[in-house]
């Protein structure tokens, strides 16, 4: 089984500064060396992925995985997820919904839209550490991700 040599870019779409900082700390504490890139809403997420808006002309790295919050301003995670999975060049990027929502309808709808996993954000930092560690092991050690699929 071959493992990727370069750390995979994690693209986190989340408007909450505290959630981002805690996730960043948990990734470091879990010894995940992945680059964590952040966008603040679904509109910025799509701009990043499609190289438009503030990201036009910049060399953005294709993420190996997207951590997606559902409740964001401008364009929420549900709308962004739908766009990603309908786009021929983006649909193969694994998307993990990472949200405070526990609503059954959000879980069902996310899977209907093609999400790869749905995780409710843990309340405590220790639980967040466990989630990030498990997420890292699963997505970056166990699962084979496509090698930089066509952009």
C-alpha atoms as a PDB file:
ATOM      1  CA  UNK A   1       0.000   0.000   0.000  1.00  0.00           C
ATOM      2  CA  UNK A   2       1.527   3.330  -1.033  1.00  0.00           C
ATOM      3  CA  UNK A   3       1.208   6.376   1.163  1.00  0.00           C
ATOM      4  CA  UNK A   4       1.385   9.943   0.008  1.00  0.00           C
ATOM      5  CA  UNK A   5       4.750  11.601   0.559  1.00  0.00           C
ATOM      6  CA  UNK A   6       3.586  15.197   0.840  1.00  0.00           C
ATOM      7  CA  UNK A   7       1.180  16.213   3.586  1.00  0.00           C
ATOM      8  CA  UNK A   8      -2.353  16.560   2.297  1.00  0.00           C
ATOM      9  CA  UNK A   9      -3.902  20.036   2.414  1.00  0.00           C
ATOM     10  CA  UNK A  10      -6.938  20.237   4.677  1.00  0.00           C
ATOM     11  CA  UNK A  11      -9.300  23.000   3.589  1.00  0.00           C
ATOM     12  CA  UNK A  12     -11.509  24.122   6.463  1.00  0.00           C
ATOM     13  CA  UNK A  13     -14.623  26.161   5.698  1.00  0.00           C
ATOM     14  CA  UNK A  14     -15.755  27.675   8.994  1.00  0.00           C
ATOM     15  CA  UNK A  15     -16.733  31.184  10.037  1.00  0.00           C
ATOM     16  CA  UNK A  16     -16.024  30.627  13.740  1.00  0.00           C
ATOM     17  CA  UNK A  17     -12.523  31.825  14.731  1.00  0.00           C
ATOM     18  CA  UNK A  18     -12.489  29.810  17.969  1.00  0.00           C
ATOM     19  CA  UNK A  19     -13.463  26.586  16.190  1.00  0.00           C
ATOM     20  CA  UNK A  20     -10.698  27.163  13.642  1.00  0.00           C
ATOM     21  CA  UNK A  21      -8.042  27.877  16.281  1.00  0.00           C
ATOM     22  CA  UNK A  22      -9.059  24.867  18.371  1.00  0.00           C
ATOM     23  CA  UNK A  23      -9.043  22.609  15.303  1.00  0.00           C
ATOM     24  CA  UNK A  24      -5.602  23.934  14.389  1.00  0.00           C
ATOM     25  CA  UNK A  25      -4.322  23.223  17.926  1.00  0.00           C
ATOM     26  CA  UNK A  26      -5.888  19.749  17.914  1.00  0.00           C
ATOM     27  CA  UNK A  27      -4.276  18.897  14.562  1.00  0.00           C
ATOM     28  CA  UNK A  28      -0.868  19.977  15.884  1.00  0.00           C
ATOM     29  CA  UNK A  29      -1.354  18.088  19.151  1.00  0.00           C
ATOM     30  CA  UNK A  30      -2.364  15.011  17.129  1.00  0.00           C
ATOM     31  CA  UNK A  31       0.965  15.298  15.284  1.00  0.00           C
ATOM     32  CA  UNK A  32      -0.785  15.753  11.950  1.00  0.00           C
ATOM     33  CA  UNK A  33       1.588  17.683   9.750  1.00  0.00           C
ATOM     34  CA  UNK A  34      -1.049  18.573   7.228  1.00  0.00           C
ATOM     35  CA  UNK A  35      -1.339  22.135   5.998  1.00  0.00           C
ATOM     36  CA  UNK A  36      -4.599  23.633   7.241  1.00  0.00           C
ATOM     37  CA  UNK A  37      -6.069  26.306   4.976  1.00  0.00           C
ATOM     38  CA  UNK A  38      -9.137  28.248   6.067  1.00  0.00           C
ATOM     39  CA  UNK A  39     -11.973  29.946   4.254  1.00  0.00           C
ATOM     40  CA  UNK A  40     -14.782  31.684   6.159  1.00  0.00           C
ATOM     41  CA  UNK A  41     -17.914  30.838   4.173  1.00  0.00           C
ATOM     42  CA  UNK A  42     -19.249  28.810   1.271  1.00  0.00           C
ATOM     43  CA  UNK A  43     -18.681  31.615  -1.224  1.00  0.00           C
ATOM     44  CA  UNK A  44     -15.010  31.881  -0.269  1.00  0.00           C
ATOM     45  CA  UNK A  45     -14.772  28.068  -0.368  1.00  0.00           C
ATOM     46  CA  UNK A  46     -15.998  27.963  -3.955  1.00  0.00           C
ATOM     47  CA  UNK A  47     -13.716  30.886  -4.899  1.00  0.00           C
ATOM     48  CA  UNK A  48     -10.755  28.957  -3.479  1.00  0.00           C
ATOM     49  CA  UNK A  49     -11.668  25.714  -5.260  1.00  0.00           C
ATOM     50  CA  UNK A  50     -12.404  27.421  -8.583  1.00  0.00           C
ATOM     51  CA  UNK A  51      -9.558  29.962  -8.447  1.00  0.00           C
ATOM     52  CA  UNK A  52     -11.786  33.016  -8.631  1.00  0.00           C
ATOM     53  CA  UNK A  53     -12.473  36.127  -6.522  1.00  0.00           C
ATOM     54  CA  UNK A  54      -9.680  36.746  -3.983  1.00  0.00           C
ATOM     55  CA  UNK A  55      -7.964  33.544  -5.174  1.00  0.00           C
ATOM     56  CA  UNK A  56      -7.890  34.465  -8.885  1.00  0.00           C
ATOM     57  CA  UNK A  57      -4.348  34.130 -10.182  1.00  0.00           C
ATOM     58  CA  UNK A  58      -3.002  32.613  -6.945  1.00  0.00           C
ATOM     59  CA  UNK A  59      -1.534  29.139  -6.796  1.00  0.00           C
ATOM     60  CA  UNK A  60      -3.995  27.459  -4.450  1.00  0.00           C
ATOM     61  CA  UNK A  61      -3.273  23.865  -3.524  1.00  0.00           C
ATOM     62  CA  UNK A  62      -5.984  21.342  -4.277  1.00  0.00           C
ATOM     63  CA  UNK A  63      -7.205  20.067  -0.917  1.00  0.00           C
ATOM     64  CA  UNK A  64      -7.009  16.386  -0.086  1.00  0.00           C
ATOM     65  CA  UNK A  65     -10.028  16.843   2.158  1.00  0.00           C
ATOM     66  CA  UNK A  66     -12.527  19.581   3.005  1.00  0.00           C
ATOM     67  CA  UNK A  67     -13.801  20.124   6.565  1.00  0.00           C
ATOM     68  CA  UNK A  68     -17.129  21.841   6.026  1.00  0.00           C
ATOM     69  CA  UNK A  69     -19.262  23.710   8.535  1.00  0.00           C
ATOM     70  CA  UNK A  70     -22.945  23.776   7.569  1.00  0.00           C
ATOM     71  CA  UNK A  71     -23.931  27.085   9.142  1.00  0.00           C
ATOM     72  CA  UNK A  72     -21.960  29.901   7.531  1.00  0.00           C
ATOM     73  CA  UNK A  73     -22.857  33.338   6.147  1.00  0.00           C
ATOM     74  CA  UNK A  74     -23.303  34.237   2.447  1.00  0.00           C
ATOM     75  CA  UNK A  75     -23.404  30.632   1.228  1.00  0.00           C
ATOM     76  CA  UNK A  76     -23.923  27.873   3.762  1.00  0.00           C
ATOM     77  CA  UNK A  77     -22.237  24.485   3.756  1.00  0.00           C
ATOM     78  CA  UNK A  78     -25.230  22.706   2.233  1.00  0.00           C
ATOM     79  CA  UNK A  79     -25.161  24.930  -0.841  1.00  0.00           C
ATOM     80  CA  UNK A  80     -21.385  24.654  -1.171  1.00  0.00           C
ATOM     81  CA  UNK A  81     -21.515  20.847  -0.783  1.00  0.00           C
ATOM     82  CA  UNK A  82     -24.110  20.622  -3.549  1.00  0.00           C
ATOM     83  CA  UNK A  83     -21.914  22.749  -5.868  1.00  0.00           C
ATOM     84  CA  UNK A  84     -18.773  20.738  -5.091  1.00  0.00           C
ATOM     85  CA  UNK A  85     -20.415  17.380  -5.745  1.00  0.00           C
ATOM     86  CA  UNK A  86     -22.028  18.628  -8.984  1.00  0.00           C
ATOM     87  CA  UNK A  87     -18.722  19.980 -10.343  1.00  0.00           C
ATOM     88  CA  UNK A  88     -16.865  17.488 -12.545  1.00  0.00           C
ATOM     89  CA  UNK A  89     -13.455  18.805 -11.411  1.00  0.00           C
ATOM     90  CA  UNK A  90     -14.240  18.894  -7.690  1.00  0.00           C
ATOM     91  CA  UNK A  91     -16.666  16.048  -6.952  1.00  0.00           C
ATOM     92  CA  UNK A  92     -13.902  13.586  -6.053  1.00  0.00           C
ATOM     93  CA  UNK A  93     -12.517  15.713  -3.185  1.00  0.00           C
ATOM     94  CA  UNK A  94     -13.611  14.063   0.080  1.00  0.00           C
ATOM     95  CA  UNK A  95     -15.858  16.341   2.127  1.00  0.00           C
ATOM     96  CA  UNK A  96     -16.355  15.873   5.859  1.00  0.00           C
ATOM     97  CA  UNK A  97     -19.148  17.919   7.386  1.00  0.00           C
ATOM     98  CA  UNK A  98     -17.784  19.242  10.678  1.00  0.00           C
ATOM     99  CA  UNK A  99     -20.569  21.163  12.359  1.00  0.00           C
ATOM    100  CA  UNK A 100     -22.365  21.926  15.613  1.00  0.00           C
ATOM    101  CA  UNK A 101     -25.623  20.676  14.090  1.00  0.00           C
ATOM    102  CA  UNK A 102     -27.014  17.421  15.419  1.00  0.00           C
ATOM    103  CA  UNK A 103     -30.225  17.723  13.418  1.00  0.00           C
ATOM    104  CA  UNK A 104     -31.153  14.427  11.765  1.00  0.00           C
ATOM    105  CA  UNK A 105     -32.322  16.318   8.665  1.00  0.00           C
ATOM    106  CA  UNK A 106     -28.821  17.838   8.286  1.00  0.00           C
ATOM    107  CA  UNK A 107     -27.226  14.400   8.523  1.00  0.00           C
ATOM    108  CA  UNK A 108     -29.633  12.904   5.967  1.00  0.00           C
ATOM    109  CA  UNK A 109     -29.424  15.877   3.587  1.00  0.00           C
ATOM    110  CA  UNK A 110     -25.614  15.964   3.757  1.00  0.00           C
ATOM    111  CA  UNK A 111     -25.350  12.314   2.751  1.00  0.00           C
ATOM    112  CA  UNK A 112     -27.941  12.837   0.004  1.00  0.00           C
ATOM    113  CA  UNK A 113     -25.726  15.637  -1.344  1.00  0.00           C
ATOM    114  CA  UNK A 114     -22.704  13.317  -1.375  1.00  0.00           C
ATOM    115  CA  UNK A 115     -20.788  14.071   1.822  1.00  0.00           C
ATOM    116  CA  UNK A 116     -18.177  11.463   2.750  1.00  0.00           C
ATOM    117  CA  UNK A 117     -18.577  11.770   6.536  1.00  0.00           C
ATOM    118  CA  UNK A 118     -20.644  13.772   9.025  1.00  0.00           C
ATOM    119  CA  UNK A 119     -19.086  14.726  12.364  1.00  0.00           C
ATOM    120  CA  UNK A 120     -20.685  16.815  15.089  1.00  0.00           C
ATOM    121  CA  UNK A 121     -18.107  19.156  16.612  1.00  0.00           C
ATOM    122  CA  UNK A 122     -17.088  17.946  20.067  1.00  0.00           C
ATOM    123  CA  UNK A 123     -17.743  20.248  23.005  1.00  0.00           C
ATOM    124  CA  UNK A 124     -14.463  19.676  24.873  1.00  0.00           C
ATOM    125  CA  UNK A 125     -10.918  20.107  23.607  1.00  0.00           C
ATOM    126  CA  UNK A 126      -9.990  16.547  24.654  1.00  0.00           C
ATOM    127  CA  UNK A 127     -12.819  15.153  22.552  1.00  0.00           C
ATOM    128  CA  UNK A 128     -11.752  17.400  19.659  1.00  0.00           C
ATOM    129  CA  UNK A 129      -8.233  15.988  20.005  1.00  0.00           C
ATOM    130  CA  UNK A 130      -9.632  12.454  19.774  1.00  0.00           C
ATOM    131  CA  UNK A 131     -11.734  13.346  16.723  1.00  0.00           C
ATOM    132  CA  UNK A 132      -8.806  15.030  14.902  1.00  0.00           C
ATOM    133  CA  UNK A 133      -6.513  12.122  15.717  1.00  0.00           C
ATOM    134  CA  UNK A 134      -9.071   9.594  14.429  1.00  0.00           C
ATOM    135  CA  UNK A 135      -9.829  11.737  11.385  1.00  0.00           C
ATOM    136  CA  UNK A 136      -6.132  11.982  10.624  1.00  0.00           C
ATOM    137  CA  UNK A 137      -5.516   8.268  10.980  1.00  0.00           C
ATOM    138  CA  UNK A 138      -8.515   7.418   8.836  1.00  0.00           C
ATOM    139  CA  UNK A 139      -8.107   9.931   6.001  1.00  0.00           C
ATOM    140  CA  UNK A 140      -4.316  10.136   5.856  1.00  0.00           C
ATOM    141  CA  UNK A 141      -3.100   6.678   6.894  1.00  0.00           C
ATOM    142  CA  UNK A 142      -5.855   4.185   6.091  1.00  0.00           C
ATOM    143  CA  UNK A 143      -7.746   5.578   3.096  1.00  0.00           C
ATOM    144  CA  UNK A 144      -6.113   5.983  -0.305  1.00  0.00           C
ATOM    145  CA  UNK A 145      -6.848   9.458  -1.639  1.00  0.00           C
ATOM    146  CA  UNK A 146      -6.566  10.275  -5.347  1.00  0.00           C
ATOM    147  CA  UNK A 147      -3.203  11.763  -6.224  1.00  0.00           C
ATOM    148  CA  UNK A 148      -3.958  15.369  -7.148  1.00  0.00           C
ATOM    149  CA  UNK A 149      -6.828  14.586  -9.520  1.00  0.00           C
ATOM    150  CA  UNK A 150      -7.348  16.862 -12.516  1.00  0.00           C
ATOM    151  CA  UNK A 151      -7.826  20.459 -11.521  1.00  0.00           C
END
